[in-house]
Amino acid sequence: MSKSGVADQDAACCPPMTQQRLDPGAAADLSVAFKALGDPVRLQLMSMIASAPDGEICVCDLTPAFAVSGPTISHHLKTLREAGLVDAERRASWVYYRPRPGVLRQLSALLNPDES
């Protein structure tokens, strides 16, 4: 597990919950990521980050897309980082965000009723 509680991005997590009951430890770990995505602004931010054409996006491109303040966007991005959903890298005065595909795959696999 990472310091955020979410499993490392390339580690296998869990079979789909339609196939097997999720153990309490995995449920506690994954709930952090699901909770982070439970906010509409964070869900939109995650979508923008995950769909960025170059695999990453600058905070300077994220902030103008919302009718909330820069500090509020920073708070939401921090929540996504702490949940293990994104990585961030500072370059000069800007921060660039990248999705953690392995974590997204874990969440997706857990919810996929057709996964075998």
PDB file of N, CA and C in Angstrom:
ATOM      1  N   MET A   1       0.828  -1.189   0.000  1.00  0.00           N
ATOM      2  CA  MET A   1       0.000   0.000   0.000  1.00  0.00           C
ATOM      3  C   MET A   1       0.871   1.251   0.000  1.00  0.00           C
ATOM      4  N   SER A   2       0.376   2.288  -0.612  1.00  0.00           N
ATOM      5  CA  SER A   2       1.094   3.556  -0.609  1.00  0.00           C
ATOM      6  C   SER A   2       0.757   4.305   0.665  1.00  0.00           C
ATOM      7  N   LYS A   3       1.417   5.446   0.871  1.00  0.00           N
ATOM      8  CA  LYS A   3       1.136   6.226   2.074  1.00  0.00           C
ATOM      9  C   LYS A   3      -0.291   6.757   2.073  1.00  0.00           C
ATOM     10  N   SER A   4      -0.921   6.832   0.897  1.00  0.00           N
ATOM     11  CA  SER A   4      -2.303   7.307   0.836  1.00  0.00           C
ATOM     12  C   SER A   4      -3.288   6.229   1.217  1.00  0.00           C
ATOM     13  N   GLY A   5      -2.823   4.978   1.304  1.00  0.00           N
ATOM     14  CA  GLY A   5      -3.719   3.881   1.618  1.00  0.00           C
ATOM     15  C   GLY A   5      -4.176   3.133   0.382  1.00  0.00           C
ATOM     16  N   VAL A   6      -4.021   3.725  -0.784  1.00  0.00           N
ATOM     17  CA  VAL A   6      -4.411   3.062  -2.017  1.00  0.00           C
ATOM     18  C   VAL A   6      -3.267   2.166  -2.447  1.00  0.00           C
ATOM     19  N   ALA A   7      -3.607   0.990  -2.943  1.00  0.00           N
ATOM     20  CA  ALA A   7      -2.585   0.044  -3.366  1.00  0.00           C
ATOM     21  C   ALA A   7      -1.703   0.651  -4.446  1.00  0.00           C
ATOM     22  N   ASP A   8      -0.460   0.169  -4.524  1.00  0.00           N
ATOM     23  CA  ASP A   8       0.432   0.631  -5.583  1.00  0.00           C
ATOM     24  C   ASP A   8      -0.236   0.425  -6.925  1.00  0.00           C
ATOM     25  N   GLN A   9       0.061   1.328  -7.871  1.00  0.00           N
ATOM     26  CA  GLN A   9      -0.700   1.368  -9.108  1.00  0.00           C
ATOM     27  C   GLN A   9      -0.598   0.117  -9.965  1.00  0.00           C
ATOM     28  N   ASP A  10       0.448  -0.675  -9.853  1.00  0.00           N
ATOM     29  CA  ASP A  10       0.545  -1.866 -10.677  1.00  0.00           C
ATOM     30  C   ASP A  10       0.170  -3.134  -9.918  1.00  0.00           C
ATOM     31  N   ALA A  11      -0.180  -2.994  -8.653  1.00  0.00           N
ATOM     32  CA  ALA A  11      -0.540  -4.163  -7.853  1.00  0.00           C
ATOM     33  C   ALA A  11      -1.978  -4.581  -8.138  1.00  0.00           C
ATOM     34  N   ALA A  12      -2.191  -5.892  -8.126  1.00  0.00           N
ATOM     35  CA  ALA A  12      -3.556  -6.396  -8.278  1.00  0.00           C
ATOM     36  C   ALA A  12      -4.314  -6.072  -7.000  1.00  0.00           C
ATOM     37  N   CYS A  13      -5.567  -5.798  -7.136  1.00  0.00           N
ATOM     38  CA  CYS A  13      -6.336  -5.439  -5.949  1.00  0.00           C
ATOM     39  C   CYS A  13      -7.347  -6.501  -5.620  1.00  0.00           C
ATOM     40  N   CYS A  14      -8.384  -6.472  -6.335  1.00  0.00           N
ATOM     41  CA  CYS A  14      -9.526  -7.253  -5.912  1.00  0.00           C
ATOM     42  C   CYS A  14     -10.317  -7.728  -7.129  1.00  0.00           C
ATOM     43  N   PRO A  15     -10.949  -8.876  -7.008  1.00  0.00           N
ATOM     44  CA  PRO A  15     -11.867  -9.270  -8.074  1.00  0.00           C
ATOM     45  C   PRO A  15     -13.104  -8.371  -8.027  1.00  0.00           C
ATOM     46  N   PRO A  16     -13.871  -8.347  -9.102  1.00  0.00           N
ATOM     47  CA  PRO A  16     -15.086  -7.531  -9.086  1.00  0.00           C
ATOM     48  C   PRO A  16     -15.972  -7.889  -7.890  1.00  0.00           C
ATOM     49  N   MET A  17     -16.617  -6.902  -7.330  1.00  0.00           N
ATOM     50  CA  MET A  17     -17.442  -7.180  -6.164  1.00  0.00           C
ATOM     51  C   MET A  17     -18.660  -8.026  -6.498  1.00  0.00           C
ATOM     52  N   THR A  18     -18.959  -8.195  -7.778  1.00  0.00           N
ATOM     53  CA  THR A  18     -20.041  -9.109  -8.160  1.00  0.00           C
ATOM     54  C   THR A  18     -19.596 -10.563  -8.072  1.00  0.00           C
ATOM     55  N   GLN A  19     -18.292 -10.791  -7.953  1.00  0.00           N
ATOM     56  CA  GLN A  19     -17.762 -12.149  -7.884  1.00  0.00           C
ATOM     57  C   GLN A  19     -17.333 -12.556  -6.481  1.00  0.00           C
ATOM     58  N   GLN A  20     -16.933 -11.590  -5.690  1.00  0.00           N
ATOM     59  CA  GLN A  20     -16.400 -11.920  -4.377  1.00  0.00           C
ATOM     60  C   GLN A  20     -16.555 -10.730  -3.449  1.00  0.00           C
ATOM     61  N   ARG A  21     -16.827 -11.030  -2.213  1.00  0.00           N
ATOM     62  CA  ARG A  21     -16.951  -9.974  -1.203  1.00  0.00           C
ATOM     63  C   ARG A  21     -15.605  -9.278  -1.025  1.00  0.00           C
ATOM     64  N   LEU A  22     -15.639  -7.975  -0.945  1.00  0.00           N
ATOM     65  CA  LEU A  22     -14.445  -7.153  -0.746  1.00  0.00           C
ATOM     66  C   LEU A  22     -14.043  -7.234   0.721  1.00  0.00           C
ATOM     67  N   ASP A  23     -12.763  -7.516   0.968  1.00  0.00           N
ATOM     68  CA  ASP A  23     -12.342  -7.622   2.372  1.00  0.00           C
ATOM     69  C   ASP A  23     -12.282  -6.233   3.003  1.00  0.00           C
ATOM     70  N   PRO A  24     -12.415  -6.166   4.321  1.00  0.00           N
ATOM     71  CA  PRO A  24     -12.484  -4.865   5.008  1.00  0.00           C
ATOM     72  C   PRO A  24     -11.264  -3.974   4.763  1.00  0.00           C
ATOM     73  N   GLY A  25     -10.080  -4.540   4.694  1.00  0.00           N
ATOM     74  CA  GLY A  25      -8.881  -3.727   4.471  1.00  0.00           C
ATOM     75  C   GLY A  25      -8.885  -3.078   3.106  1.00  0.00           C
ATOM     76  N   ALA A  26      -9.202  -3.860   2.076  1.00  0.00           N
ATOM     77  CA  ALA A  26      -9.265  -3.310   0.719  1.00  0.00           C
ATOM     78  C   ALA A  26     -10.382  -2.275   0.615  1.00  0.00           C
ATOM     79  N   ALA A  27     -11.500  -2.547   1.268  1.00  0.00           N
ATOM     80  CA  ALA A  27     -12.617  -1.586   1.238  1.00  0.00           C
ATOM     81  C   ALA A  27     -12.191  -0.258   1.854  1.00  0.00           C
ATOM     82  N   ALA A  28     -11.482  -0.316   2.972  1.00  0.00           N
ATOM     83  CA  ALA A  28     -11.029   0.916   3.624  1.00  0.00           C
ATOM     84  C   ALA A  28     -10.054   1.670   2.729  1.00  0.00           C
ATOM     85  N   ASP A  29      -9.128   0.935   2.098  1.00  0.00           N
ATOM     86  CA  ASP A  29      -8.144   1.578   1.225  1.00  0.00           C
ATOM     87  C   ASP A  29      -8.793   2.212   0.009  1.00  0.00           C
ATOM     88  N   LEU A  30      -9.645   1.467  -0.669  1.00  0.00           N
ATOM     89  CA  LEU A  30     -10.244   1.962  -1.911  1.00  0.00           C
ATOM     90  C   LEU A  30     -11.292   3.046  -1.664  1.00  0.00           C
ATOM     91  N   SER A  31     -11.891   3.032  -0.485  1.00  0.00           N
ATOM     92  CA  SER A  31     -12.912   4.038  -0.201  1.00  0.00           C
ATOM     93  C   SER A  31     -12.320   5.447  -0.212  1.00  0.00           C
ATOM     94  N   VAL A  32     -11.028   5.581   0.078  1.00  0.00           N
ATOM     95  CA  VAL A  32     -10.371   6.896   0.035  1.00  0.00           C
ATOM     96  C   VAL A  32     -10.449   7.468  -1.385  1.00  0.00           C
ATOM     97  N   ALA A  33     -10.148   6.620  -2.372  1.00  0.00           N
ATOM     98  CA  ALA A  33     -10.194   7.076  -3.766  1.00  0.00           C
ATOM     99  C   ALA A  33     -11.634   7.351  -4.203  1.00  0.00           C
ATOM    100  N   PHE A  34     -12.548   6.453  -3.854  1.00  0.00           N
ATOM    101  CA  PHE A  34     -13.942   6.674  -4.237  1.00  0.00           C
ATOM    102  C   PHE A  34     -14.494   7.941  -3.580  1.00  0.00           C
ATOM    103  N   LYS A  35     -14.132   8.175  -2.333  1.00  0.00           N
ATOM    104  CA  LYS A  35     -14.592   9.382  -1.643  1.00  0.00           C
ATOM    105  C   LYS A  35     -14.059  10.632  -2.338  1.00  0.00           C
ATOM    106  N   ALA A  36     -12.799  10.589  -2.748  1.00  0.00           N
ATOM    107  CA  ALA A  36     -12.219  11.741  -3.450  1.00  0.00           C
ATOM    108  C   ALA A  36     -12.965  12.027  -4.743  1.00  0.00           C
ATOM    109  N   LEU A  37     -13.422  10.990  -5.417  1.00  0.00           N
ATOM    110  CA  LEU A  37     -14.142  11.174  -6.675  1.00  0.00           C
ATOM    111  C   LEU A  37     -15.612  11.531  -6.466  1.00  0.00           C
ATOM    112  N   GLY A  38     -16.058  11.528  -5.214  1.00  0.00           N
ATOM    113  CA  GLY A  38     -17.452  11.809  -4.907  1.00  0.00           C
ATOM    114  C   GLY A  38     -17.832  13.278  -4.959  1.00  0.00           C
ATOM    115  N   ASP A  39     -16.894  14.136  -5.234  1.00  0.00           N
ATOM    116  CA  ASP A  39     -17.168  15.572  -5.354  1.00  0.00           C
ATOM    117  C   ASP A  39     -17.202  15.924  -6.839  1.00  0.00           C
ATOM    118  N   PRO A  40     -18.215  16.678  -7.294  1.00  0.00           N
ATOM    119  CA  PRO A  40     -18.318  16.984  -8.721  1.00  0.00           C
ATOM    120  C   PRO A  40     -17.102  17.712  -9.302  1.00  0.00           C
ATOM    121  N   VAL A  41     -16.527  18.647  -8.560  1.00  0.00           N
ATOM    122  CA  VAL A  41     -15.362  19.369  -9.076  1.00  0.00           C
ATOM    123  C   VAL A  41     -14.177  18.411  -9.196  1.00  0.00           C
ATOM    124  N   ARG A  42     -13.965  17.567  -8.179  1.00  0.00           N
ATOM    125  CA  ARG A  42     -12.853  16.618  -8.250  1.00  0.00           C
ATOM    126  C   ARG A  42     -13.062  15.600  -9.350  1.00  0.00           C
ATOM    127  N   LEU A  43     -14.287  15.174  -9.560  1.00  0.00           N
ATOM    128  CA  LEU A  43     -14.564  14.226 -10.640  1.00  0.00           C
ATOM    129  C   LEU A  43     -14.270  14.871 -11.995  1.00  0.00           C
ATOM    130  N   GLN A  44     -14.642  16.132 -12.168  1.00  0.00           N
ATOM    131  CA  GLN A  44     -14.322  16.844 -13.412  1.00  0.00           C
ATOM    132  C   GLN A  44     -12.820  17.033 -13.561  1.00  0.00           C
ATOM    133  N   LEU A  45     -12.140  17.396 -12.481  1.00  0.00           N
ATOM    134  CA  LEU A  45     -10.684  17.543 -12.540  1.00  0.00           C
ATOM    135  C   LEU A  45     -10.035  16.223 -12.940  1.00  0.00           C
ATOM    136  N   MET A  46     -10.495  15.124 -12.329  1.00  0.00           N
ATOM    137  CA  MET A  46      -9.930  13.810 -12.652  1.00  0.00           C
ATOM    138  C   MET A  46     -10.156  13.484 -14.113  1.00  0.00           C
ATOM    139  N   SER A  47     -11.313  13.820 -14.632  1.00  0.00           N
ATOM    140  CA  SER A  47     -11.615  13.582 -16.044  1.00  0.00           C
ATOM    141  C   SER A  47     -10.687  14.389 -16.942  1.00  0.00           C
ATOM    142  N   MET A  48     -10.463  15.639 -16.584  1.00  0.00           N
ATOM    143  CA  MET A  48      -9.569  16.486 -17.382  1.00  0.00           C
ATOM    144  C   MET A  48      -8.136  15.967 -17.342  1.00  0.00           C
ATOM    145  N   ILE A  49      -7.701  15.530 -16.172  1.00  0.00           N
ATOM    146  CA  ILE A  49      -6.335  15.012 -16.033  1.00  0.00           C
ATOM    147  C   ILE A  49      -6.186  13.697 -16.791  1.00  0.00           C
ATOM    148  N   ALA A  50      -7.136  12.802 -16.610  1.00  0.00           N
ATOM    149  CA  ALA A  50      -7.051  11.483 -17.248  1.00  0.00           C
ATOM    150  C   ALA A  50      -7.159  11.555 -18.768  1.00  0.00           C
ATOM    151  N   SER A  51      -7.852  12.556 -19.281  1.00  0.00           N
ATOM    152  CA  SER A  51      -8.035  12.651 -20.732  1.00  0.00           C
ATOM    153  C   SER A  51      -7.081  13.643 -21.393  1.00  0.00           C
ATOM    154  N   ALA A  52      -6.119  14.158 -20.638  1.00  0.00           N
ATOM    155  CA  ALA A  52      -5.166  15.120 -21.203  1.00  0.00           C
ATOM    156  C   ALA A  52      -4.414  14.490 -22.370  1.00  0.00           C
ATOM    157  N   PRO A  53      -4.348  15.174 -23.505  1.00  0.00           N
ATOM    158  CA  PRO A  53      -3.751  14.609 -24.719  1.00  0.00           C
ATOM    159  C   PRO A  53      -2.304  14.132 -24.547  1.00  0.00           C
ATOM    160  N   ASP A  54      -1.517  14.828 -23.747  1.00  0.00           N
ATOM    161  CA  ASP A  54      -0.109  14.459 -23.575  1.00  0.00           C
ATOM    162  C   ASP A  54       0.127  13.608 -22.333  1.00  0.00           C
ATOM    163  N   GLY A  55      -0.951  13.136 -21.703  1.00  0.00           N
ATOM    164  CA  GLY A  55      -0.807  12.314 -20.518  1.00  0.00           C
ATOM    165  C   GLY A  55      -0.625  13.108 -19.240  1.00  0.00           C
ATOM    166  N   GLU A  56      -0.600  14.421 -19.354  1.00  0.00           N
ATOM    167  CA  GLU A  56      -0.483  15.292 -18.193  1.00  0.00           C
ATOM    168  C   GLU A  56      -1.068  16.649 -18.552  1.00  0.00           C
ATOM    169  N   ILE A  57      -1.381  17.411 -17.512  1.00  0.00           N
ATOM    170  CA  ILE A  57      -1.968  18.724 -17.740  1.00  0.00           C
ATOM    171  C   ILE A  57      -1.479  19.691 -16.664  1.00  0.00           C
ATOM    172  N   CYS A  58      -1.269  20.919 -17.067  1.00  0.00           N
ATOM    173  CA  CYS A  58      -0.799  21.974 -16.166  1.00  0.00           C
ATOM    174  C   CYS A  58      -1.977  22.516 -15.360  1.00  0.00           C
ATOM    175  N   VAL A  59      -1.706  22.841 -14.106  1.00  0.00           N
ATOM    176  CA  VAL A  59      -2.728  23.458 -13.282  1.00  0.00           C
ATOM    177  C   VAL A  59      -3.222  24.746 -13.935  1.00  0.00           C
ATOM    178  N   CYS A  60      -2.371  25.386 -14.716  1.00  0.00           N
ATOM    179  CA  CYS A  60      -2.759  26.625 -15.400  1.00  0.00           C
ATOM    180  C   CYS A  60      -3.866  26.372 -16.427  1.00  0.00           C
ATOM    181  N   ASP A  61      -4.005  25.129 -16.888  1.00  0.00           N
ATOM    182  CA  ASP A  61      -5.079  24.779 -17.815  1.00  0.00           C
ATOM    183  C   ASP A  61      -6.320  24.263 -17.093  1.00  0.00           C
ATOM    184  N   LEU A  62      -6.155  23.860 -15.851  1.00  0.00           N
ATOM    185  CA  LEU A  62      -7.283  23.339 -15.079  1.00  0.00           C
ATOM    186  C   LEU A  62      -8.096  24.451 -14.432  1.00  0.00           C
ATOM    187  N   THR A  63      -7.411  25.381 -13.800  1.00  0.00           N
ATOM    188  CA  THR A  63      -8.078  26.406 -12.998  1.00  0.00           C
ATOM    189  C   THR A  63      -9.113  27.223 -13.768  1.00  0.00           C
ATOM    190  N   PRO A  64      -8.817  27.687 -15.004  1.00  0.00           N
ATOM    191  CA  PRO A  64      -9.800  28.514 -15.708  1.00  0.00           C
ATOM    192  C   PRO A  64     -11.094  27.782 -16.088  1.00  0.00           C
ATOM    193  N   ALA A  65     -11.097  26.480 -16.022  1.00  0.00           N
ATOM    194  CA  ALA A  65     -12.281  25.715 -16.420  1.00  0.00           C
ATOM    195  C   ALA A  65     -13.372  25.710 -15.350  1.00  0.00           C
ATOM    196  N   PHE A  66     -13.094  26.308 -14.196  1.00  0.00           N
ATOM    197  CA  PHE A  66     -14.041  26.248 -13.084  1.00  0.00           C
ATOM    198  C   PHE A  66     -14.383  27.635 -12.568  1.00  0.00           C
ATOM    199  N   ALA A  67     -15.574  27.743 -12.003  1.00  0.00           N
ATOM    200  CA  ALA A  67     -16.033  29.010 -11.440  1.00  0.00           C
ATOM    201  C   ALA A  67     -15.740  29.074  -9.948  1.00  0.00           C
ATOM    202  N   VAL A  68     -14.648  28.444  -9.523  1.00  0.00           N
ATOM    203  CA  VAL A  68     -14.218  28.509  -8.129  1.00  0.00           C
ATOM    204  C   VAL A  68     -12.798  29.076  -8.109  1.00  0.00           C
ATOM    205  N   SER A  69     -12.348  29.478  -6.941  1.00  0.00           N
ATOM    206  CA  SER A  69     -11.042  30.136  -6.828  1.00  0.00           C
ATOM    207  C   SER A  69      -9.881  29.158  -7.030  1.00  0.00           C
ATOM    208  N   GLY A  70      -8.728  29.729  -7.325  1.00  0.00           N
ATOM    209  CA  GLY A  70      -7.508  28.934  -7.468  1.00  0.00           C
ATOM    210  C   GLY A  70      -7.190  28.122  -6.226  1.00  0.00           C
ATOM    211  N   PRO A  71      -7.288  28.725  -5.028  1.00  0.00           N
ATOM    212  CA  PRO A  71      -7.034  27.945  -3.822  1.00  0.00           C
ATOM    213  C   PRO A  71      -8.000  26.760  -3.654  1.00  0.00           C
ATOM    214  N   THR A  72      -9.234  26.935  -4.094  1.00  0.00           N
ATOM    215  CA  THR A  72     -10.191  25.830  -4.019  1.00  0.00           C
ATOM    216  C   THR A  72      -9.775  24.705  -4.963  1.00  0.00           C
ATOM    217  N   ILE A  73      -9.345  25.058  -6.166  1.00  0.00           N
ATOM    218  CA  ILE A  73      -8.856  24.039  -7.114  1.00  0.00           C
ATOM    219  C   ILE A  73      -7.636  23.347  -6.524  1.00  0.00           C
ATOM    220  N   SER A  74      -6.734  24.095  -5.915  1.00  0.00           N
ATOM    221  CA  SER A  74      -5.546  23.512  -5.288  1.00  0.00           C
ATOM    222  C   SER A  74      -5.940  22.511  -4.199  1.00  0.00           C
ATOM    223  N   HIS A  75      -6.937  22.863  -3.412  1.00  0.00           N
ATOM    224  CA  HIS A  75      -7.426  21.952  -2.370  1.00  0.00           C
ATOM    225  C   HIS A  75      -7.944  20.647  -2.988  1.00  0.00           C
ATOM    226  N   HIS A  76      -8.732  20.776  -4.051  1.00  0.00           N
ATOM    227  CA  HIS A  76      -9.281  19.577  -4.706  1.00  0.00           C
ATOM    228  C   HIS A  76      -8.168  18.730  -5.321  1.00  0.00           C
ATOM    229  N   LEU A  77      -7.177  19.362  -5.912  1.00  0.00           N
ATOM    230  CA  LEU A  77      -6.061  18.613  -6.490  1.00  0.00           C
ATOM    231  C   LEU A  77      -5.248  17.912  -5.403  1.00  0.00           C
ATOM    232  N   LYS A  78      -5.091  18.557  -4.279  1.00  0.00           N
ATOM    233  CA  LYS A  78      -4.398  17.932  -3.141  1.00  0.00           C
ATOM    234  C   LYS A  78      -5.162  16.690  -2.679  1.00  0.00           C
ATOM    235  N   THR A  79      -6.475  16.777  -2.639  1.00  0.00           N
ATOM    236  CA  THR A  79      -7.295  15.633  -2.243  1.00  0.00           C
ATOM    237  C   THR A  79      -7.101  14.476  -3.215  1.00  0.00           C
ATOM    238  N   LEU A  80      -7.066  14.766  -4.520  1.00  0.00           N
ATOM    239  CA  LEU A  80      -6.839  13.712  -5.519  1.00  0.00           C
ATOM    240  C   LEU A  80      -5.450  13.090  -5.353  1.00  0.00           C
ATOM    241  N   ARG A  81      -4.458  13.924  -5.070  1.00  0.00           N
ATOM    242  CA  ARG A  81      -3.091  13.409  -4.835  1.00  0.00           C
ATOM    243  C   ARG A  81      -3.063  12.514  -3.605  1.00  0.00           C
ATOM    244  N   GLU A  82      -3.637  12.982  -2.511  1.00  0.00           N
ATOM    245  CA  GLU A  82      -3.627  12.216  -1.264  1.00  0.00           C
ATOM    246  C   GLU A  82      -4.397  10.914  -1.391  1.00  0.00           C
ATOM    247  N   ALA A  83      -5.368  10.872  -2.276  1.00  0.00           N
ATOM    248  CA  ALA A  83      -6.138   9.647  -2.513  1.00  0.00           C
ATOM    249  C   ALA A  83      -5.398   8.686  -3.438  1.00  0.00           C
ATOM    250  N   GLY A  84      -4.265   9.114  -3.977  1.00  0.00           N
ATOM    251  CA  GLY A  84      -3.472   8.252  -4.846  1.00  0.00           C
ATOM    252  C   GLY A  84      -3.937   8.201  -6.283  1.00  0.00           C
ATOM    253  N   LEU A  85      -4.814   9.120  -6.669  1.00  0.00           N
ATOM    254  CA  LEU A  85      -5.375   9.099  -8.013  1.00  0.00           C
ATOM    255  C   LEU A  85      -4.513   9.813  -9.046  1.00  0.00           C
ATOM    256  N   VAL A  86      -3.718  10.776  -8.600  1.00  0.00           N
ATOM    257  CA  VAL A  86      -2.862  11.532  -9.517  1.00  0.00           C
ATOM    258  C   VAL A  86      -1.474  11.720  -8.910  1.00  0.00           C
ATOM    259  N   ASP A  87      -0.520  11.935  -9.786  1.00  0.00           N
ATOM    260  CA  ASP A  87       0.823  12.350  -9.408  1.00  0.00           C
ATOM    261  C   ASP A  87       0.993  13.784  -9.866  1.00  0.00           C
ATOM    262  N   ALA A  88       1.862  14.517  -9.181  1.00  0.00           N
ATOM    263  CA  ALA A  88       2.107  15.917  -9.533  1.00  0.00           C
ATOM    264  C   ALA A  88       3.606  16.169  -9.605  1.00  0.00           C
ATOM    265  N   GLU A  89       3.967  17.064 -10.520  1.00  0.00           N
ATOM    266  CA  GLU A  89       5.373  17.442 -10.674  1.00  0.00           C
ATOM    267  C   GLU A  89       5.457  18.947 -10.880  1.00  0.00           C
ATOM    268  N   ARG A  90       6.247  19.603 -10.038  1.00  0.00           N
ATOM    269  CA  ARG A  90       6.443  21.045 -10.170  1.00  0.00           C
ATOM    270  C   ARG A  90       7.525  21.306 -11.206  1.00  0.00           C
ATOM    271  N   ARG A  91       7.216  22.212 -12.127  1.00  0.00           N
ATOM    272  CA  ARG A  91       8.185  22.681 -13.123  1.00  0.00           C
ATOM    273  C   ARG A  91       8.134  24.197 -13.115  1.00  0.00           C
ATOM    274  N   ALA A  92       9.199  24.793 -12.646  1.00  0.00           N
ATOM    275  CA  ALA A  92       9.261  26.246 -12.475  1.00  0.00           C
ATOM    276  C   ALA A  92       8.106  26.665 -11.576  1.00  0.00           C
ATOM    277  N   SER A  93       7.211  27.520 -12.052  1.00  0.00           N
ATOM    278  CA  SER A  93       6.130  27.998 -11.193  1.00  0.00           C
ATOM    279  C   SER A  93       4.820  27.227 -11.391  1.00  0.00           C
ATOM    280  N   TRP A  94       4.811  26.224 -12.262  1.00  0.00           N
ATOM    281  CA  TRP A  94       3.588  25.473 -12.531  1.00  0.00           C
ATOM    282  C   TRP A  94       3.701  24.034 -12.047  1.00  0.00           C
ATOM    283  N   VAL A  95       2.555  23.441 -11.754  1.00  0.00           N
ATOM    284  CA  VAL A  95       2.490  22.038 -11.366  1.00  0.00           C
ATOM    285  C   VAL A  95       1.725  21.296 -12.453  1.00  0.00           C
ATOM    286  N   TYR A  96       2.263  20.161 -12.846  1.00  0.00           N
ATOM    287  CA  TYR A  96       1.645  19.311 -13.868  1.00  0.00           C
ATOM    288  C   TYR A  96       1.118  18.049 -13.201  1.00  0.00           C
ATOM    289  N   TYR A  97      -0.071  17.644 -13.613  1.00  0.00           N
ATOM    290  CA  TYR A  97      -0.749  16.489 -13.015  1.00  0.00           C
ATOM    291  C   TYR A  97      -0.884  15.365 -14.036  1.00  0.00           C
ATOM    292  N   ARG A  98      -0.651  14.136 -13.568  1.00  0.00           N
ATOM    293  CA  ARG A  98      -0.790  12.927 -14.372  1.00  0.00           C
ATOM    294  C   ARG A  98      -1.675  11.944 -13.623  1.00  0.00           C
ATOM    295  N   PRO A  99      -2.516  11.215 -14.335  1.00  0.00           N
ATOM    296  CA  PRO A  99      -3.326  10.196 -13.662  1.00  0.00           C
ATOM    297  C   PRO A  99      -2.444   9.011 -13.269  1.00  0.00           C
ATOM    298  N   ARG A 100      -2.870   8.263 -12.297  1.00  0.00           N
ATOM    299  CA  ARG A 100      -2.222   7.007 -11.933  1.00  0.00           C
ATOM    300  C   ARG A 100      -3.112   5.894 -12.493  1.00  0.00           C
ATOM    301  N   PRO A 101      -2.825   5.452 -13.726  1.00  0.00           N
ATOM    302  CA  PRO A 101      -3.699   4.501 -14.409  1.00  0.00           C
ATOM    303  C   PRO A 101      -3.940   3.211 -13.637  1.00  0.00           C
ATOM    304  N   GLY A 102      -2.949   2.749 -12.908  1.00  0.00           N
ATOM    305  CA  GLY A 102      -3.122   1.506 -12.153  1.00  0.00           C
ATOM    306  C   GLY A 102      -4.214   1.611 -11.107  1.00  0.00           C
ATOM    307  N   VAL A 103      -4.268   2.742 -10.430  1.00  0.00           N
ATOM    308  CA  VAL A 103      -5.308   2.955  -9.424  1.00  0.00           C
ATOM    309  C   VAL A 103      -6.673   3.035 -10.102  1.00  0.00           C
ATOM    310  N   LEU A 104      -6.734   3.729 -11.231  1.00  0.00           N
ATOM    311  CA  LEU A 104      -8.003   3.810 -11.962  1.00  0.00           C
ATOM    312  C   LEU A 104      -8.447   2.430 -12.434  1.00  0.00           C
ATOM    313  N   ARG A 105      -7.483   1.601 -12.856  1.00  0.00           N
ATOM    314  CA  ARG A 105      -7.822   0.226 -13.258  1.00  0.00           C
ATOM    315  C   ARG A 105      -8.375  -0.572 -12.087  1.00  0.00           C
ATOM    316  N   GLN A 106      -7.792  -0.392 -10.910  1.00  0.00           N
ATOM    317  CA  GLN A 106      -8.284  -1.103  -9.723  1.00  0.00           C
ATOM    318  C   GLN A 106      -9.730  -0.724  -9.422  1.00  0.00           C
ATOM    319  N   LEU A 107     -10.014   0.568  -9.451  1.00  0.00           N
ATOM    320  CA  LEU A 107     -11.377   1.018  -9.183  1.00  0.00           C
ATOM    321  C   LEU A 107     -12.340   0.484 -10.232  1.00  0.00           C
ATOM    322  N   SER A 108     -11.913   0.534 -11.482  1.00  0.00           N
ATOM    323  CA  SER A 108     -12.741   0.056 -12.583  1.00  0.00           C
ATOM    324  C   SER A 108     -12.989  -1.445 -12.473  1.00  0.00           C
ATOM    325  N   ALA A 109     -11.943  -2.205 -12.196  1.00  0.00           N
ATOM    326  CA  ALA A 109     -12.082  -3.661 -12.101  1.00  0.00           C
ATOM    327  C   ALA A 109     -13.023  -4.049 -10.966  1.00  0.00           C
ATOM    328  N   LEU A 110     -12.966  -3.333  -9.872  1.00  0.00           N
ATOM    329  CA  LEU A 110     -13.830  -3.623  -8.741  1.00  0.00           C
ATOM    330  C   LEU A 110     -15.306  -3.457  -9.112  1.00  0.00           C
ATOM    331  N   LEU A 111     -15.595  -2.471  -9.964  1.00  0.00           N
ATOM    332  CA  LEU A 111     -16.977  -2.175 -10.339  1.00  0.00           C
ATOM    333  C   LEU A 111     -17.441  -2.897 -11.599  1.00  0.00           C
ATOM    334  N   ASN A 112     -16.536  -3.575 -12.294  1.00  0.00           N
ATOM    335  CA  ASN A 112     -16.866  -4.212 -13.574  1.00  0.00           C
ATOM    336  C   ASN A 112     -17.558  -5.556 -13.355  1.00  0.00           C
ATOM    337  N   PRO A 113     -18.870  -5.634 -13.633  1.00  0.00           N
ATOM    338  CA  PRO A 113     -19.579  -6.897 -13.415  1.00  0.00           C
ATOM    339  C   PRO A 113     -19.202  -7.974 -14.430  1.00  0.00           C
ATOM    340  N   ASP A 114     -18.568  -7.608 -15.543  1.00  0.00           N
ATOM    341  CA  ASP A 114     -18.240  -8.568 -16.589  1.00  0.00           C
ATOM    342  C   ASP A 114     -16.817  -9.070 -16.497  1.00  0.00           C
ATOM    343  N   GLU A 115     -16.016  -8.540 -15.573  1.00  0.00           N
ATOM    344  CA  GLU A 115     -14.610  -8.941 -15.423  1.00  0.00           C
ATOM    345  C   GLU A 115     -14.556 -10.374 -14.911  1.00  0.00           C
ATOM    346  N   SER A 116     -13.631 -11.132 -15.452  1.00  0.00           N
ATOM    347  CA  SER A 116     -13.513 -12.506 -14.966  1.00  0.00           C
ATOM    348  C   SER A 116     -12.123 -12.779 -14.457  1.00  0.00           C
TER     349      SER A 116
END
